[in-house]
C-alpha atoms as a PDB file:
ATOM      1  CA  UNK A   1      58.725  -6.842-100.194  1.00  0.00           C
ATOM      2  CA  UNK A   2      58.676  -3.033-101.151  1.00  0.00           C
ATOM      3  CA  UNK A   3      56.423  -1.358 -98.891  1.00  0.00           C
ATOM      4  CA  UNK A   4      53.619   0.446-100.342  1.00  0.00           C
ATOM      5  CA  UNK A   5      52.334   3.188-101.120  1.00  0.00           C
ATOM      6  CA  UNK A   6      54.886   5.068-102.983  1.00  0.00           C
ATOM      7  CA  UNK A   7      56.235   8.709-103.386  1.00  0.00           C
ATOM      8  CA  UNK A   8      57.282   8.936-107.171  1.00  0.00           C
ATOM      9  CA  UNK A   9      60.538  10.729-107.760  1.00  0.00           C
ATOM     10  CA  UNK A  10      60.805  12.247-111.129  1.00  0.00           C
ATOM     11  CA  UNK A  11      64.274  14.133-110.235  1.00  0.00           C
ATOM     12  CA  UNK A  12      65.103  16.468-113.030  1.00  0.00           C
ATOM     13  CA  UNK A  13      63.773  14.281-115.719  1.00  0.00           C
ATOM     14  CA  UNK A  14      64.512  16.176-119.208  1.00  0.00           C
ATOM     15  CA  UNK A  15      61.127  14.863-120.860  1.00  0.00           C
ATOM     16  CA  UNK A  16      57.811  12.908-119.818  1.00  0.00           C
ATOM     17  CA  UNK A  17      59.471   9.745-121.289  1.00  0.00           C
ATOM     18  CA  UNK A  18      62.522  10.005-119.229  1.00  0.00           C
ATOM     19  CA  UNK A  19      59.837   9.057-116.397  1.00  0.00           C
ATOM     20  CA  UNK A  20      58.512   6.239-117.865  1.00  0.00           C
ATOM     21  CA  UNK A  21      58.967   4.022-114.854  1.00  0.00           C
ATOM     22  CA  UNK A  22      56.955   6.465-112.680  1.00  0.00           C
ATOM     23  CA  UNK A  23      54.172   6.852-115.370  1.00  0.00           C
ATOM     24  CA  UNK A  24      53.852   3.179-115.645  1.00  0.00           C
ATOM     25  CA  UNK A  25      53.212   2.998-111.679  1.00  0.00           C
ATOM     26  CA  UNK A  26      50.864   5.654-111.885  1.00  0.00           C
ATOM     27  CA  UNK A  27      48.670   4.208-114.870  1.00  0.00           C
ATOM     28  CA  UNK A  28      48.604   0.904-113.882  1.00  0.00           C
ATOM     29  CA  UNK A  29      48.922   0.970-109.945  1.00  0.00           C
ATOM     30  CA  UNK A  30      47.170   4.194-109.222  1.00  0.00           C
ATOM     31  CA  UNK A  31      46.594   3.095-105.371  1.00  0.00           C
ATOM     32  CA  UNK A  32      50.292   2.795-104.824  1.00  0.00           C
ATOM     33  CA  UNK A  33      51.083   6.301-105.942  1.00  0.00           C
ATOM     34  CA  UNK A  34      50.647   8.713-103.234  1.00  0.00           C
ATOM     35  CA  UNK A  35      52.177  11.746-105.270  1.00  0.00           C
ATOM     36  CA  UNK A  36      55.073  12.915-107.009  1.00  0.00           C
ATOM     37  CA  UNK A  37      58.593  14.617-105.969  1.00  0.00           C
ATOM     38  CA  UNK A  38      59.828  16.825-108.676  1.00  0.00           C
ATOM     39  CA  UNK A  39      63.264  18.678-108.769  1.00  0.00           C
ATOM     40  CA  UNK A  40      64.025  22.276-110.078  1.00  0.00           C
ATOM     41  CA  UNK A  41      64.147  21.820-113.996  1.00  0.00           C
ATOM     42  CA  UNK A  42      62.032  18.706-114.146  1.00  0.00           C
ATOM     43  CA  UNK A  43      60.225  18.227-117.448  1.00  0.00           C
ATOM     44  CA  UNK A  44      58.038  15.777-116.599  1.00  0.00           C
ATOM     45  CA  UNK A  45      54.702  15.715-114.863  1.00  0.00           C
ATOM     46  CA  UNK A  46      52.393  12.598-113.756  1.00  0.00           C
ATOM     47  CA  UNK A  47      49.396  14.907-112.934  1.00  0.00           C
ATOM     48  CA  UNK A  48      49.842  13.759-109.341  1.00  0.00           C
ATOM     49  CA  UNK A  49      50.234  15.973-106.141  1.00  0.00           C
ATOM     50  CA  UNK A  50      53.826  17.599-105.995  1.00  0.00           C
ATOM     51  CA  UNK A  51      54.643  16.732-102.551  1.00  0.00           C
ATOM     52  CA  UNK A  52      57.598  17.504 -99.995  1.00  0.00           C
ATOM     53  CA  UNK A  53      58.779  14.201 -98.368  1.00  0.00           C
ATOM     54  CA  UNK A  54      57.456  15.382 -95.047  1.00  0.00           C
ATOM     55  CA  UNK A  55      53.924  15.734 -96.944  1.00  0.00           C
ATOM     56  CA  UNK A  56      54.201  12.465 -98.620  1.00  0.00           C
ATOM     57  CA  UNK A  57      55.189  10.684 -95.060  1.00  0.00           C
ATOM     58  CA  UNK A  58      51.882  12.204 -93.650  1.00  0.00           C
ATOM     59  CA  UNK A  59      49.994  11.259 -96.712  1.00  0.00           C
ATOM     60  CA  UNK A  60      51.172   7.455 -95.815  1.00  0.00           C
ATOM     61  CA  UNK A  61      53.933   7.014 -98.336  1.00  0.00           C
ATOM     62  CA  UNK A  62      56.409   4.355 -97.162  1.00  0.00           C
ATOM     63  CA  UNK A  63      58.896   4.090-100.494  1.00  0.00           C
ATOM     64  CA  UNK A  64      60.313   6.818-102.685  1.00  0.00           C
ATOM     65  CA  UNK A  65      60.702   5.129-105.900  1.00  0.00           C
ATOM     66  CA  UNK A  66      63.058   6.593-108.478  1.00  0.00           C
ATOM     67  CA  UNK A  67      60.656   6.641-111.360  1.00  0.00           C
ATOM     68  CA  UNK A  68      63.153   8.096-114.029  1.00  0.00           C
ATOM     69  CA  UNK A  69      64.883   5.788-116.295  1.00  0.00           C
ATOM     70  CA  UNK A  70      67.683   7.921-117.839  1.00  0.00           C
ATOM     71  CA  UNK A  71      70.261   6.548-120.376  1.00  0.00           C
ATOM     72  CA  UNK A  72      72.839   4.232-118.872  1.00  0.00           C
ATOM     73  CA  UNK A  73      70.599   3.987-115.654  1.00  0.00           C
ATOM     74  CA  UNK A  74      72.896   6.179-113.385  1.00  0.00           C
ATOM     75  CA  UNK A  75      72.094   7.578-109.918  1.00  0.00           C
ATOM     76  CA  UNK A  76      72.693  11.761-110.749  1.00  0.00           C
ATOM     77  CA  UNK A  77      74.697  13.293-108.220  1.00  0.00           C
ATOM     78  CA  UNK A  78      72.110  16.042-108.140  1.00  0.00           C
ATOM     79  CA  UNK A  79      69.512  13.571-106.632  1.00  0.00           C
ATOM     80  CA  UNK A  80      71.631  12.438-103.743  1.00  0.00           C
ATOM     81  CA  UNK A  81      70.715  15.204-101.075  1.00  0.00           C
ATOM     82  CA  UNK A  82      67.119  14.347-101.616  1.00  0.00           C
ATOM     83  CA  UNK A  83      67.529  10.461-101.650  1.00  0.00           C
ATOM     84  CA  UNK A  84      69.682  10.661 -98.377  1.00  0.00           C
ATOM     85  CA  UNK A  85      66.860  13.190 -96.923  1.00  0.00           C
ATOM     86  CA  UNK A  86      64.181  10.704 -97.781  1.00  0.00           C
ATOM     87  CA  UNK A  87      66.004   8.065 -96.006  1.00  0.00           C
ATOM     88  CA  UNK A  88      66.445  10.321 -92.777  1.00  0.00           C
ATOM     89  CA  UNK A  89      62.741  11.096 -93.227  1.00  0.00           C
ATOM     90  CA  UNK A  90      61.976   7.388 -92.806  1.00  0.00           C
ATOM     91  CA  UNK A  91      61.506   6.461 -96.398  1.00  0.00           C
ATOM     92  CA  UNK A  92      62.812   3.112 -97.878  1.00  0.00           C
ATOM     93  CA  UNK A  93      64.252   3.327-101.517  1.00  0.00           C
ATOM     94  CA  UNK A  94      63.323   1.479-104.351  1.00  0.00           C
ATOM     95  CA  UNK A  95      65.185   1.630-107.793  1.00  0.00           C
ATOM     96  CA  UNK A  96      65.520  -0.005-111.156  1.00  0.00           C
ATOM     97  CA  UNK A  97      68.338   1.361-112.536  1.00  0.00           C
ATOM     98  CA  UNK A  98      71.571   0.043-113.385  1.00  0.00           C
ATOM     99  CA  UNK A  99      73.547   1.823-110.794  1.00  0.00           C
ATOM    100  CA  UNK A 100      72.646   0.510-107.789  1.00  0.00           C
ATOM    101  CA  UNK A 101      71.565   1.664-104.490  1.00  0.00           C
ATOM    102  CA  UNK A 102      73.519  -0.921-102.532  1.00  0.00           C
ATOM    103  CA  UNK A 103      76.956   0.354-104.388  1.00  0.00           C
ATOM    104  CA  UNK A 104      76.549   3.774-103.144  1.00  0.00           C
ATOM    105  CA  UNK A 105      78.565   3.901 -99.786  1.00  0.00           C
ATOM    106  CA  UNK A 106      76.751   7.105 -98.657  1.00  0.00           C
ATOM    107  CA  UNK A 107      73.381   5.845 -99.117  1.00  0.00           C
ATOM    108  CA  UNK A 108      74.135   2.412 -97.509  1.00  0.00           C
ATOM    109  CA  UNK A 109      75.589   4.071 -94.621  1.00  0.00           C
ATOM    110  CA  UNK A 110      72.544   6.459 -94.097  1.00  0.00           C
ATOM    111  CA  UNK A 111      70.167   3.381 -94.701  1.00  0.00           C
ATOM    112  CA  UNK A 112      72.065   1.697 -92.146  1.00  0.00           C
ATOM    113  CA  UNK A 113      71.811   4.340 -89.598  1.00  0.00           C
ATOM    114  CA  UNK A 114      68.135   4.928 -90.279  1.00  0.00           C
ATOM    115  CA  UNK A 115      67.443   1.309 -90.420  1.00  0.00           C
ATOM    116  CA  UNK A 116      65.903   1.654 -93.839  1.00  0.00           C
ATOM    117  CA  UNK A 117      65.735  -0.535 -96.941  1.00  0.00           C
ATOM    118  CA  UNK A 118      67.333  -0.241-100.112  1.00  0.00           C
ATOM    119  CA  UNK A 119      65.731  -2.314-102.894  1.00  0.00           C
ATOM    120  CA  UNK A 120      67.506  -2.822-106.041  1.00  0.00           C
ATOM    121  CA  UNK A 121      65.056  -4.392-108.589  1.00  0.00           C
ATOM    122  CA  UNK A 122      67.392  -4.752-111.541  1.00  0.00           C
ATOM    123  CA  UNK A 123      69.245  -7.448-109.673  1.00  0.00           C
ATOM    124  CA  UNK A 124      68.776 -10.832-110.852  1.00  0.00           C
ATOM    125  CA  UNK A 125      67.894 -13.269-107.720  1.00  0.00           C
ATOM    126  CA  UNK A 126      67.825 -16.461-109.753  1.00  0.00           C
ATOM    127  CA  UNK A 127      70.464 -18.759-111.278  1.00  0.00           C
ATOM    128  CA  UNK A 128      68.943 -18.973-114.806  1.00  0.00           C
ATOM    129  CA  UNK A 129      69.555 -21.830-116.830  1.00  0.00           C
ATOM    130  CA  UNK A 130      70.877 -21.727-120.703  1.00  0.00           C
ATOM    131  CA  UNK A 131      68.128 -21.833-123.231  1.00  0.00           C
ATOM    132  CA  UNK A 132      67.411 -25.110-124.542  1.00  0.00           C
ATOM    133  CA  UNK A 133      64.778 -24.251-127.506  1.00  0.00           C
ATOM    134  CA  UNK A 134      62.370 -27.451-126.093  1.00  0.00           C
ATOM    135  CA  UNK A 135      58.552 -26.575-126.706  1.00  0.00           C
ATOM    136  CA  UNK A 136      56.647 -25.596-123.783  1.00  0.00           C
ATOM    137  CA  UNK A 137      52.690 -26.323-123.319  1.00  0.00           C
ATOM    138  CA  UNK A 138      50.887 -23.256-123.191  1.00  0.00           C
ATOM    139  CA  UNK A 139      50.822 -19.926-125.444  1.00  0.00           C
ATOM    140  CA  UNK A 140      52.773 -17.207-125.235  1.00  0.00           C
ATOM    141  CA  UNK A 141      52.078 -13.636-126.860  1.00  0.00           C
ATOM    142  CA  UNK A 142      54.903 -11.334-127.190  1.00  0.00           C
ATOM    143  CA  UNK A 143      55.076  -7.113-128.064  1.00  0.00           C
ATOM    144  CA  UNK A 144      57.971  -6.157-130.280  1.00  0.00           C
ATOM    145  CA  UNK A 145      58.805  -2.895-131.153  1.00  0.00           C
ATOM    146  CA  UNK A 146      60.127  -0.245-134.087  1.00  0.00           C
ATOM    147  CA  UNK A 147      61.874   1.140-131.232  1.00  0.00           C
ATOM    148  CA  UNK A 148      62.435   1.388-127.388  1.00  0.00           C
ATOM    149  CA  UNK A 149      59.642   3.042-125.161  1.00  0.00           C
ATOM    150  CA  UNK A 150      56.738   2.691-127.808  1.00  0.00           C
ATOM    151  CA  UNK A 151      54.324   1.125-125.454  1.00  0.00           C
ATOM    152  CA  UNK A 152      55.108  -2.806-125.432  1.00  0.00           C
ATOM    153  CA  UNK A 153      54.658  -3.128-121.558  1.00  0.00           C
ATOM    154  CA  UNK A 154      51.399  -1.304-121.752  1.00  0.00           C
ATOM    155  CA  UNK A 155      50.203  -3.404-124.609  1.00  0.00           C
ATOM    156  CA  UNK A 156      51.160  -6.512-122.670  1.00  0.00           C
ATOM    157  CA  UNK A 157      49.353  -5.248-119.507  1.00  0.00           C
ATOM    158  CA  UNK A 158      46.363  -4.082-121.210  1.00  0.00           C
ATOM    159  CA  UNK A 159      45.782  -7.508-122.922  1.00  0.00           C
ATOM    160  CA  UNK A 160      46.378  -9.396-119.673  1.00  0.00           C
ATOM    161  CA  UNK A 161      43.783  -7.285-118.071  1.00  0.00           C
ATOM    162  CA  UNK A 162      41.238  -7.703-120.977  1.00  0.00           C
ATOM    163  CA  UNK A 163      41.699 -11.285-121.062  1.00  0.00           C
ATOM    164  CA  UNK A 164      41.256 -11.692-117.404  1.00  0.00           C
ATOM    165  CA  UNK A 165      38.189  -9.643-117.687  1.00  0.00           C
ATOM    166  CA  UNK A 166      36.958 -12.406-120.179  1.00  0.00           C
ATOM    167  CA  UNK A 167      37.730 -15.220-117.829  1.00  0.00           C
ATOM    168  CA  UNK A 168      40.709 -16.388-119.970  1.00  0.00           C
ATOM    169  CA  UNK A 169      43.988 -17.746-118.155  1.00  0.00           C
ATOM    170  CA  UNK A 170      46.516 -15.135-118.447  1.00  0.00           C
ATOM    171  CA  UNK A 171      49.913 -14.024-116.702  1.00  0.00           C
ATOM    172  CA  UNK A 172      51.494 -10.629-117.279  1.00  0.00           C
ATOM    173  CA  UNK A 173      55.371 -11.659-117.328  1.00  0.00           C
ATOM    174  CA  UNK A 174      57.675  -8.625-116.307  1.00  0.00           C
ATOM    175  CA  UNK A 175      61.046  -8.330-118.095  1.00  0.00           C
ATOM    176  CA  UNK A 176      61.837  -4.807-116.855  1.00  0.00           C
ATOM    177  CA  UNK A 177      62.121  -2.597-113.963  1.00  0.00           C
ATOM    178  CA  UNK A 178      58.771  -0.893-114.542  1.00  0.00           C
ATOM    179  CA  UNK A 179      56.827  -4.006-114.952  1.00  0.00           C
ATOM    180  CA  UNK A 180      58.774  -5.678-111.808  1.00  0.00           C
ATOM    181  CA  UNK A 181      57.711  -2.360-109.850  1.00  0.00           C
ATOM    182  CA  UNK A 182      54.095  -2.890-111.186  1.00  0.00           C
ATOM    183  CA  UNK A 183      53.463  -6.653-110.390  1.00  0.00           C
ATOM    184  CA  UNK A 184      56.338  -7.308-107.840  1.00  0.00           C
ATOM    185  CA  UNK A 185      57.685 -10.056-109.864  1.00  0.00           C
ATOM    186  CA  UNK A 186      59.723 -10.852-112.948  1.00  0.00           C
ATOM    187  CA  UNK A 187      63.090 -11.076-114.547  1.00  0.00           C
ATOM    188  CA  UNK A 188      65.323  -7.956-114.851  1.00  0.00           C
ATOM    189  CA  UNK A 189      66.288  -9.288-118.468  1.00  0.00           C
ATOM    190  CA  UNK A 190      68.847  -6.314-119.309  1.00  0.00           C
ATOM    191  CA  UNK A 191      70.837  -7.290-115.887  1.00  0.00           C
ATOM    192  CA  UNK A 192      70.962 -10.915-116.875  1.00  0.00           C
ATOM    193  CA  UNK A 193      74.419 -12.226-118.401  1.00  0.00           C
ATOM    194  CA  UNK A 194      74.079 -12.405-121.895  1.00  0.00           C
ATOM    195  CA  UNK A 195      74.377 -16.280-122.126  1.00  0.00           C
ATOM    196  CA  UNK A 196      71.468 -16.808-120.037  1.00  0.00           C
ATOM    197  CA  UNK A 197      69.002 -14.193-121.175  1.00  0.00           C
ATOM    198  CA  UNK A 198      66.852 -16.408-123.266  1.00  0.00           C
ATOM    199  CA  UNK A 199      66.980 -19.190-120.468  1.00  0.00           C
ATOM    200  CA  UNK A 200      65.603 -16.583-118.212  1.00  0.00           C
ATOM    201  CA  UNK A 201      62.464 -16.162-120.521  1.00  0.00           C
ATOM    202  CA  UNK A 202      62.165 -19.818-120.734  1.00  0.00           C
ATOM    203  CA  UNK A 203      62.206 -19.804-117.021  1.00  0.00           C
ATOM    204  CA  UNK A 204      59.749 -17.145-116.732  1.00  0.00           C
ATOM    205  CA  UNK A 205      57.320 -18.698-118.998  1.00  0.00           C
ATOM    206  CA  UNK A 206      57.214 -22.458-118.088  1.00  0.00           C
ATOM    207  CA  UNK A 207      55.048 -25.398-119.244  1.00  0.00           C
ATOM    208  CA  UNK A 208      51.196 -24.228-118.675  1.00  0.00           C
ATOM    209  CA  UNK A 209      47.761 -25.268-119.505  1.00  0.00           C
ATOM    210  CA  UNK A 210      47.226 -25.446-123.120  1.00  0.00           C
ATOM    211  CA  UNK A 211      44.768 -22.608-122.931  1.00  0.00           C
ATOM    212  CA  UNK A 212      46.977 -20.429-120.627  1.00  0.00           C
ATOM    213  CA  UNK A 213      48.653 -16.736-122.290  1.00  0.00           C
ATOM    214  CA  UNK A 214      51.511 -15.460-121.133  1.00  0.00           C
ATOM    215  CA  UNK A 215      51.838 -11.722-122.091  1.00  0.00           C
ATOM    216  CA  UNK A 216      55.478 -11.051-122.088  1.00  0.00           C
ATOM    217  CA  UNK A 217      56.593  -7.681-121.700  1.00  0.00           C
ATOM    218  CA  UNK A 218      58.767  -6.543-124.521  1.00  0.00           C
ATOM    219  CA  UNK A 219      61.977  -5.133-124.237  1.00  0.00           C
ATOM    220  CA  UNK A 220      64.102  -2.828-126.739  1.00  0.00           C
ATOM    221  CA  UNK A 221      63.938  -3.037-130.476  1.00  0.00           C
ATOM    222  CA  UNK A 222      65.573  -5.455-133.148  1.00  0.00           C
ATOM    223  CA  UNK A 223      66.414  -2.277-134.777  1.00  0.00           C
ATOM    224  CA  UNK A 224      67.896  -0.136-131.937  1.00  0.00           C
ATOM    225  CA  UNK A 225      71.631  -0.918-132.040  1.00  0.00           C
ATOM    226  CA  UNK A 226      72.175  -0.159-128.257  1.00  0.00           C
ATOM    227  CA  UNK A 227      69.262  -2.611-127.097  1.00  0.00           C
ATOM    228  CA  UNK A 228      68.570  -5.342-129.910  1.00  0.00           C
ATOM    229  CA  UNK A 229      70.045  -8.119-127.707  1.00  0.00           C
ATOM    230  CA  UNK A 230      67.288  -8.073-125.164  1.00  0.00           C
ATOM    231  CA  UNK A 231      64.643  -8.171-127.820  1.00  0.00           C
ATOM    232  CA  UNK A 232      66.300 -11.266-129.487  1.00  0.00           C
ATOM    233  CA  UNK A 233      66.382 -13.252-126.235  1.00  0.00           C
ATOM    234  CA  UNK A 234      62.765 -12.666-125.757  1.00  0.00           C
ATOM    235  CA  UNK A 235      61.926 -13.824-129.167  1.00  0.00           C
ATOM    236  CA  UNK A 236      63.729 -16.962-128.777  1.00  0.00           C
ATOM    237  CA  UNK A 237      63.261 -17.715-125.287  1.00  0.00           C
ATOM    238  CA  UNK A 238      59.752 -16.492-125.152  1.00  0.00           C
ATOM    239  CA  UNK A 239      58.812 -19.007-128.109  1.00  0.00           C
ATOM    240  CA  UNK A 240      55.890 -16.807-128.978  1.00  0.00           C
ATOM    241  CA  UNK A 241      52.884 -18.036-130.435  1.00  0.00           C
ATOM    242  CA  UNK A 242      51.601 -14.404-131.391  1.00  0.00           C
ATOM    243  CA  UNK A 243      53.414 -11.117-132.128  1.00  0.00           C
ATOM    244  CA  UNK A 244      52.267  -7.807-131.472  1.00  0.00           C
ATOM    245  CA  UNK A 245      54.026  -4.826-133.498  1.00  0.00           C
ATOM    246  CA  UNK A 246      54.296  -1.764-131.624  1.00  0.00           C
ATOM    247  CA  UNK A 247      54.795   1.424-132.902  1.00  0.00           C
ATOM    248  CA  UNK A 248      54.756   5.281-132.063  1.00  0.00           C
ATOM    249  CA  UNK A 249      54.101   7.203-135.358  1.00  0.00           C
ATOM    250  CA  UNK A 250      55.358  10.488-134.255  1.00  0.00           C
ATOM    251  CA  UNK A 251      58.951   9.535-133.945  1.00  0.00           C
ATOM    252  CA  UNK A 252      61.633  10.961-136.324  1.00  0.00           C
ATOM    253  CA  UNK A 253      64.192   8.901-135.394  1.00  0.00           C
ATOM    254  CA  UNK A 254      65.048   5.950-132.961  1.00  0.00           C
ATOM    255  CA  UNK A 255      65.105   7.371-129.474  1.00  0.00           C
ATOM    256  CA  UNK A 256      68.581   8.380-128.329  1.00  0.00           C
ATOM    257  CA  UNK A 257      69.993   7.661-132.014  1.00  0.00           C
ATOM    258  CA  UNK A 258      69.329  10.867-134.168  1.00  0.00           C
ATOM    259  CA  UNK A 259      71.421   9.034-136.991  1.00  0.00           C
ATOM    260  CA  UNK A 260      68.940   6.046-137.226  1.00  0.00           C
ATOM    261  CA  UNK A 261      65.807   6.270-138.879  1.00  0.00           C
ATOM    262  CA  UNK A 262      62.451   4.326-137.529  1.00  0.00           C
ATOM    263  CA  UNK A 263      61.948   1.346-139.371  1.00  0.00           C
ATOM    264  CA  UNK A 264      58.388   0.780-141.200  1.00  0.00           C
ATOM    265  CA  UNK A 265      55.951  -1.671-139.739  1.00  0.00           C
ATOM    266  CA  UNK A 266      56.679  -3.961-142.535  1.00  0.00           C
ATOM    267  CA  UNK A 267      60.389  -4.197-141.908  1.00  0.00           C
ATOM    268  CA  UNK A 268      59.660  -4.909-138.318  1.00  0.00           C
ATOM    269  CA  UNK A 269      56.959  -7.767-139.457  1.00  0.00           C
ATOM    270  CA  UNK A 270      59.418  -9.062-142.014  1.00  0.00           C
ATOM    271  CA  UNK A 271      62.234  -9.102-139.753  1.00  0.00           C
ATOM    272  CA  UNK A 272      61.010 -10.673-136.411  1.00  0.00           C
ATOM    273  CA  UNK A 273      58.671 -13.290-137.764  1.00  0.00           C
ATOM    274  CA  UNK A 274      61.227 -15.141-139.508  1.00  0.00           C
ATOM    275  CA  UNK A 275      63.534 -14.927-135.897  1.00  0.00           C
ATOM    276  CA  UNK A 276      60.421 -16.084-133.992  1.00  0.00           C
ATOM    277  CA  UNK A 277      59.716 -18.687-136.305  1.00  0.00           C
ATOM    278  CA  UNK A 278      63.310 -20.405-135.351  1.00  0.00           C
ATOM    279  CA  UNK A 279      62.029 -21.251-132.004  1.00  0.00           C
ATOM    280  CA  UNK A 280      58.263 -21.715-132.901  1.00  0.00           C
ATOM    281  CA  UNK A 281      57.614 -22.682-136.452  1.00  0.00           C
ATOM    282  CA  UNK A 282      53.828 -21.823-135.859  1.00  0.00           C
ATOM    283  CA  UNK A 283      54.320 -18.107-134.736  1.00  0.00           C
ATOM    284  CA  UNK A 284      52.095 -15.333-136.405  1.00  0.00           C
ATOM    285  CA  UNK A 285      51.925 -11.601-136.440  1.00  0.00           C
ATOM    286  CA  UNK A 286      48.355 -11.157-135.361  1.00  0.00           C
ATOM    287  CA  UNK A 287      47.874  -7.296-134.494  1.00  0.00           C
ATOM    288  CA  UNK A 288      49.401  -3.752-134.180  1.00  0.00           C
ATOM    289  CA  UNK A 289      49.897  -1.727-130.771  1.00  0.00           C
ATOM    290  CA  UNK A 290      49.845   2.155-131.821  1.00  0.00           C
ATOM    291  CA  UNK A 291      50.807   4.437-129.055  1.00  0.00           C
ATOM    292  CA  UNK A 292      48.593   7.614-130.172  1.00  0.00           C
ATOM    293  CA  UNK A 293      49.471   9.867-127.017  1.00  0.00           C
ATOM    294  CA  UNK A 294      50.783  12.534-128.949  1.00  0.00           C
ATOM    295  CA  UNK A 295      48.141  12.762-131.395  1.00  0.00           C
ATOM    296  CA  UNK A 296      44.426  14.282-130.827  1.00  0.00           C
ATOM    297  CA  UNK A 297      41.243  12.007-130.999  1.00  0.00           C
ATOM    298  CA  UNK A 298      40.738  12.494-134.654  1.00  0.00           C
ATOM    299  CA  UNK A 299      44.213  12.262-135.826  1.00  0.00           C
ATOM    300  CA  UNK A 300      44.700   9.043-133.797  1.00  0.00           C
ATOM    301  CA  UNK A 301      41.642   7.393-135.435  1.00  0.00           C
ATOM    302  CA  UNK A 302      42.912   8.457-138.810  1.00  0.00           C
ATOM    303  CA  UNK A 303      46.200   6.862-138.062  1.00  0.00           C
ATOM    304  CA  UNK A 304      44.782   3.920-137.003  1.00  0.00           C
ATOM    305  CA  UNK A 305      42.554   3.281-139.729  1.00  0.00           C
ATOM    306  CA  UNK A 306      45.458   3.850-141.983  1.00  0.00           C
ATOM    307  CA  UNK A 307      47.550   1.576-140.719  1.00  0.00           C
ATOM    308  CA  UNK A 308      45.023  -1.264-140.444  1.00  0.00           C
ATOM    309  CA  UNK A 309      44.392  -0.722-144.036  1.00  0.00           C
ATOM    310  CA  UNK A 310      48.046  -0.944-145.031  1.00  0.00           C
ATOM    311  CA  UNK A 311      48.980  -3.637-142.909  1.00  0.00           C
ATOM    312  CA  UNK A 312      45.610  -5.869-143.023  1.00  0.00           C
ATOM    313  CA  UNK A 313      45.898  -6.314-139.237  1.00  0.00           C
ATOM    314  CA  UNK A 314      43.837  -4.695-136.154  1.00  0.00           C
ATOM    315  CA  UNK A 315      45.588  -1.488-135.153  1.00  0.00           C
ATOM    316  CA  UNK A 316      44.527  -0.291-131.782  1.00  0.00           C
ATOM    317  CA  UNK A 317      45.722   2.001-128.930  1.00  0.00           C
ATOM    318  CA  UNK A 318      45.266  -0.407-126.177  1.00  0.00           C
ATOM    319  CA  UNK A 319      45.674   1.960-123.386  1.00  0.00           C
ATOM    320  CA  UNK A 320      43.150   4.523-125.087  1.00  0.00           C
ATOM    321  CA  UNK A 321      41.004   2.377-126.649  1.00  0.00           C
ATOM    322  CA  UNK A 322      41.390  -0.854-124.784  1.00  0.00           C
ATOM    323  CA  UNK A 323      42.709  -4.322-126.027  1.00  0.00           C
ATOM    324  CA  UNK A 324      39.676  -5.875-126.860  1.00  0.00           C
ATOM    325  CA  UNK A 325      40.579  -6.329-130.481  1.00  0.00           C
ATOM    326  CA  UNK A 326      43.946  -7.537-129.870  1.00  0.00           C
ATOM    327  CA  UNK A 327      42.764 -10.229-127.370  1.00  0.00           C
ATOM    328  CA  UNK A 328      40.082 -11.069-130.260  1.00  0.00           C
ATOM    329  CA  UNK A 329      42.890 -11.929-132.423  1.00  0.00           C
ATOM    330  CA  UNK A 330      44.602 -14.236-129.804  1.00  0.00           C
ATOM    331  CA  UNK A 331      41.544 -16.051-129.266  1.00  0.00           C
ATOM    332  CA  UNK A 332      40.886 -16.733-133.126  1.00  0.00           C
ATOM    333  CA  UNK A 333      44.206 -18.826-133.145  1.00  0.00           C
END
């Protein structure tokens, strides 16, 4: 088990979105976030207290969590001095990057000498089956996005929280490093061998009570040429009864792909739903989650109203407004 609470390492993150792992922990498990550690040139700020390693240790932090999700998931050479110092200061290290802590010989040597633990959460620990497509009892909801990093995880977490408040049977099913660090369990989907990805989601969302909802954390986008594979695995392995369309309205192009325009919500609906109905013919699109963090209050409300009118579905920012209307849509099925 990863020891809590955490000091969240933002490194030299070039923008706020690059620190989405740390942001997710801060937003959904604030009691686990003692403070943040930023290197020179860091452009991200969680609004937490900036701390030295010694200050964080004195405040009770036990694990330094790499809260940066950079392209390719690599451990930067510029970070190494801080990571080594953290081990020597008495911290464990936790990371969700593709570049594993356990593969860094210098970190392994220092951790061993200091009797500290290295936690790589993006390592599959289960021998997952190949998907068989058999129908399972229970209900499942999946957020699919027009792009990566548009709020799919926040949508599922907010819907799970609202469902539980109503006394509904609900489970958040983590499929990425941030969700796993928040909940302590899940499938690191993008680290699963391709033939077993859909099967891992069948394993994650097994038979359940007929009135139980699995809120499945979305990944990637069908329209993102770098990461569409994980989305397809979720759509077929998850066999969702309900899809939530997730969107960030201020994007001018796909994240990391300036040559690709963002698809419309209509294009997302008309692409994702037929694919979902291959595994579950009864699947429906029931609502739209809009990440309005970059908009002022009036702009956000106007944007949501326009999308709702255009699409004929409830459109909300579940983090800003709550997920009530999205859960209403599930209960109406």
